[in-house]
Amino acid sequence: MTIADKLKTEGRQEALQEDILEILELRFQSVSYSIKKQLEEISDASTLRRLHRLAVQAQSLEEFTKQMPA
């Protein structure tokens, strides 16, 4: 993987993390610092895509957090 590829991948990951947080904040008003930190630590693109869908579909913030990786 080239440096450019790595930067693109990191940029996409950061964008997904920001999108997930924005969705959660819009839907549930407040997102704890611990959830934000957990999201920042996730680098796997498929996990972030799954969490993005879950952020849209979850009935509660608690439901979302239960399905986050430990």
N, C-alpha and C. Protein backbone atom coordinates (compact mmCIF):
# COMPACT_ATOMS: atom_id res chain seq x y z
N MET A 1 0.85 -1.17 0.00
CA MET A 1 0.00 0.00 0.00
C MET A 1 0.90 1.24 0.00
N THR A 2 0.61 2.15 -0.90
CA THR A 2 1.40 3.38 -0.97
C THR A 2 0.95 4.34 0.12
N ILE A 3 1.75 5.35 0.33
CA ILE A 3 1.41 6.37 1.32
C ILE A 3 0.10 7.05 0.93
N ALA A 4 -0.09 7.31 -0.36
CA ALA A 4 -1.32 7.95 -0.83
C ALA A 4 -2.53 7.06 -0.54
N ASP A 5 -2.39 5.76 -0.79
CA ASP A 5 -3.49 4.83 -0.50
C ASP A 5 -3.81 4.81 0.98
N LYS A 6 -2.77 4.81 1.79
CA LYS A 6 -2.97 4.79 3.25
C LYS A 6 -3.69 6.06 3.70
N LEU A 7 -3.32 7.21 3.17
CA LEU A 7 -3.97 8.46 3.54
C LEU A 7 -5.43 8.48 3.10
N LYS A 8 -5.71 7.94 1.91
CA LYS A 8 -7.10 7.86 1.44
C LYS A 8 -7.93 6.99 2.36
N THR A 9 -7.37 5.86 2.74
CA THR A 9 -8.07 4.93 3.62
C THR A 9 -8.34 5.58 4.97
N GLU A 10 -7.35 6.23 5.53
CA GLU A 10 -7.52 6.90 6.82
C GLU A 10 -8.55 8.01 6.71
N GLY A 11 -8.55 8.73 5.60
CA GLY A 11 -9.53 9.80 5.40
C GLY A 11 -10.95 9.26 5.33
N ARG A 12 -11.13 8.12 4.66
CA ARG A 12 -12.46 7.50 4.59
C ARG A 12 -12.91 7.02 5.96
N GLN A 13 -11.98 6.45 6.71
CA GLN A 13 -12.31 5.98 8.05
C GLN A 13 -12.74 7.14 8.95
N GLU A 14 -11.98 8.21 8.90
CA GLU A 14 -12.33 9.39 9.70
C GLU A 14 -13.69 9.95 9.29
N ALA A 15 -13.96 9.98 8.00
CA ALA A 15 -15.24 10.49 7.52
C ALA A 15 -16.38 9.61 8.02
N LEU A 16 -16.21 8.31 7.99
CA LEU A 16 -17.24 7.39 8.50
C LEU A 16 -17.44 7.60 10.00
N GLN A 17 -16.35 7.74 10.73
CA GLN A 17 -16.46 7.97 12.18
C GLN A 17 -17.23 9.26 12.45
N GLU A 18 -16.93 10.32 11.72
CA GLU A 18 -17.62 11.59 11.90
C GLU A 18 -19.09 11.47 11.51
N ASP A 19 -19.38 10.76 10.44
CA ASP A 19 -20.77 10.56 10.02
C ASP A 19 -21.57 9.80 11.07
N ILE A 20 -20.97 8.77 11.63
CA ILE A 20 -21.65 7.99 12.67
C ILE A 20 -21.97 8.88 13.86
N LEU A 21 -21.01 9.66 14.31
CA LEU A 21 -21.24 10.56 15.44
C LEU A 21 -22.33 11.58 15.13
N GLU A 22 -22.31 12.12 13.94
CA GLU A 22 -23.32 13.10 13.56
C GLU A 22 -24.72 12.48 13.57
N ILE A 23 -24.85 11.29 13.03
CA ILE A 23 -26.15 10.60 13.03
C ILE A 23 -26.61 10.37 14.46
N LEU A 24 -25.71 9.86 15.30
CA LEU A 24 -26.09 9.58 16.69
C LEU A 24 -26.50 10.86 17.42
N GLU A 25 -25.77 11.93 17.20
CA GLU A 25 -26.11 13.20 17.85
C GLU A 25 -27.44 13.75 17.36
N LEU A 26 -27.71 13.62 16.09
CA LEU A 26 -28.99 14.08 15.55
C LEU A 26 -30.15 13.25 16.08
N ARG A 27 -29.95 11.97 16.18
CA ARG A 27 -31.03 11.07 16.61
C ARG A 27 -31.23 11.05 18.11
N PHE A 28 -30.13 11.09 18.87
CA PHE A 28 -30.23 10.89 20.32
C PHE A 28 -29.71 12.08 21.14
N GLN A 29 -29.44 13.21 20.50
CA GLN A 29 -29.01 14.47 21.10
C GLN A 29 -27.62 14.45 21.72
N SER A 30 -27.33 13.48 22.56
CA SER A 30 -26.06 13.51 23.27
C SER A 30 -25.34 12.18 23.12
N VAL A 31 -24.04 12.26 22.86
CA VAL A 31 -23.22 11.06 22.75
C VAL A 31 -22.06 11.20 23.73
N SER A 32 -21.89 10.20 24.57
CA SER A 32 -20.87 10.28 25.61
C SER A 32 -19.45 10.29 25.03
N TYR A 33 -18.56 10.81 25.82
CA TYR A 33 -17.15 10.86 25.44
C TYR A 33 -16.61 9.45 25.20
N SER A 34 -17.03 8.49 26.01
CA SER A 34 -16.52 7.11 25.87
C SER A 34 -16.94 6.50 24.53
N ILE A 35 -18.15 6.80 24.07
CA ILE A 35 -18.58 6.30 22.76
C ILE A 35 -17.74 6.94 21.66
N LYS A 36 -17.51 8.23 21.78
CA LYS A 36 -16.68 8.93 20.79
C LYS A 36 -15.28 8.33 20.74
N LYS A 37 -14.69 8.06 21.89
CA LYS A 37 -13.34 7.49 21.93
C LYS A 37 -13.34 6.08 21.34
N GLN A 38 -14.36 5.29 21.63
CA GLN A 38 -14.44 3.94 21.07
C GLN A 38 -14.49 4.00 19.54
N LEU A 39 -15.29 4.91 19.01
CA LEU A 39 -15.39 5.05 17.56
C LEU A 39 -14.06 5.45 16.94
N GLU A 40 -13.35 6.35 17.60
CA GLU A 40 -12.06 6.80 17.09
C GLU A 40 -11.05 5.67 17.01
N GLU A 41 -11.20 4.66 17.85
CA GLU A 41 -10.25 3.55 17.89
C GLU A 41 -10.55 2.48 16.83
N ILE A 42 -11.71 2.55 16.21
CA ILE A 42 -12.07 1.54 15.21
C ILE A 42 -11.50 1.95 13.86
N SER A 43 -10.70 1.07 13.28
CA SER A 43 -10.09 1.37 11.99
C SER A 43 -10.57 0.44 10.88
N ASP A 44 -11.28 -0.62 11.24
CA ASP A 44 -11.76 -1.58 10.26
C ASP A 44 -12.94 -0.99 9.49
N ALA A 45 -12.78 -0.88 8.17
CA ALA A 45 -13.81 -0.24 7.33
C ALA A 45 -15.14 -0.97 7.37
N SER A 46 -15.13 -2.29 7.37
CA SER A 46 -16.40 -3.02 7.38
C SER A 46 -17.13 -2.83 8.70
N THR A 47 -16.39 -2.76 9.80
CA THR A 47 -17.01 -2.49 11.10
C THR A 47 -17.61 -1.10 11.12
N LEU A 48 -16.90 -0.12 10.58
CA LEU A 48 -17.44 1.24 10.54
C LEU A 48 -18.68 1.33 9.66
N ARG A 49 -18.69 0.63 8.53
CA ARG A 49 -19.89 0.63 7.68
C ARG A 49 -21.08 -0.01 8.40
N ARG A 50 -20.82 -1.09 9.13
CA ARG A 50 -21.88 -1.76 9.89
C ARG A 50 -22.42 -0.81 10.97
N LEU A 51 -21.53 -0.11 11.66
CA LEU A 51 -21.95 0.83 12.69
C LEU A 51 -22.69 2.02 12.10
N HIS A 52 -22.32 2.42 10.90
CA HIS A 52 -23.02 3.51 10.22
C HIS A 52 -24.48 3.12 9.98
N ARG A 53 -24.69 1.92 9.45
CA ARG A 53 -26.06 1.43 9.23
C ARG A 53 -26.81 1.32 10.56
N LEU A 54 -26.12 0.81 11.57
CA LEU A 54 -26.74 0.66 12.88
C LEU A 54 -27.11 2.01 13.49
N ALA A 55 -26.29 3.02 13.28
CA ALA A 55 -26.60 4.35 13.80
C ALA A 55 -27.91 4.86 13.23
N VAL A 56 -28.19 4.53 11.98
CA VAL A 56 -29.42 4.95 11.33
C VAL A 56 -30.61 4.13 11.82
N GLN A 57 -30.39 2.84 12.07
CA GLN A 57 -31.49 1.93 12.35
C GLN A 57 -31.77 1.68 13.83
N ALA A 58 -30.82 1.89 14.70
CA ALA A 58 -30.99 1.55 16.12
C ALA A 58 -32.15 2.34 16.73
N GLN A 59 -32.89 1.67 17.59
CA GLN A 59 -34.02 2.31 18.26
C GLN A 59 -33.57 3.19 19.43
N SER A 60 -32.36 2.95 19.92
CA SER A 60 -31.85 3.74 21.04
C SER A 60 -30.33 3.77 21.00
N LEU A 61 -29.76 4.71 21.73
CA LEU A 61 -28.31 4.78 21.83
C LEU A 61 -27.77 3.55 22.56
N GLU A 62 -28.54 3.05 23.50
CA GLU A 62 -28.14 1.85 24.23
C GLU A 62 -28.05 0.65 23.27
N GLU A 63 -29.02 0.52 22.38
CA GLU A 63 -28.97 -0.56 21.39
C GLU A 63 -27.71 -0.44 20.52
N PHE A 64 -27.39 0.79 20.13
CA PHE A 64 -26.18 1.02 19.34
C PHE A 64 -24.94 0.59 20.09
N THR A 65 -24.80 1.04 21.33
CA THR A 65 -23.58 0.76 22.09
C THR A 65 -23.42 -0.72 22.40
N LYS A 66 -24.51 -1.44 22.57
CA LYS A 66 -24.43 -2.88 22.83
C LYS A 66 -23.81 -3.64 21.67
N GLN A 67 -23.95 -3.09 20.46
CA GLN A 67 -23.44 -3.77 19.28
C GLN A 67 -22.09 -3.26 18.81
N MET A 68 -21.52 -2.32 19.57
CA MET A 68 -20.18 -1.84 19.23
C MET A 68 -19.16 -2.88 19.66
N PRO A 69 -18.05 -2.98 18.93
CA PRO A 69 -16.99 -3.91 19.36
C PRO A 69 -16.41 -3.49 20.71
N ALA A 70 -16.02 -4.47 21.47
CA ALA A 70 -15.46 -4.18 22.82
C ALA A 70 -14.04 -3.68 22.74
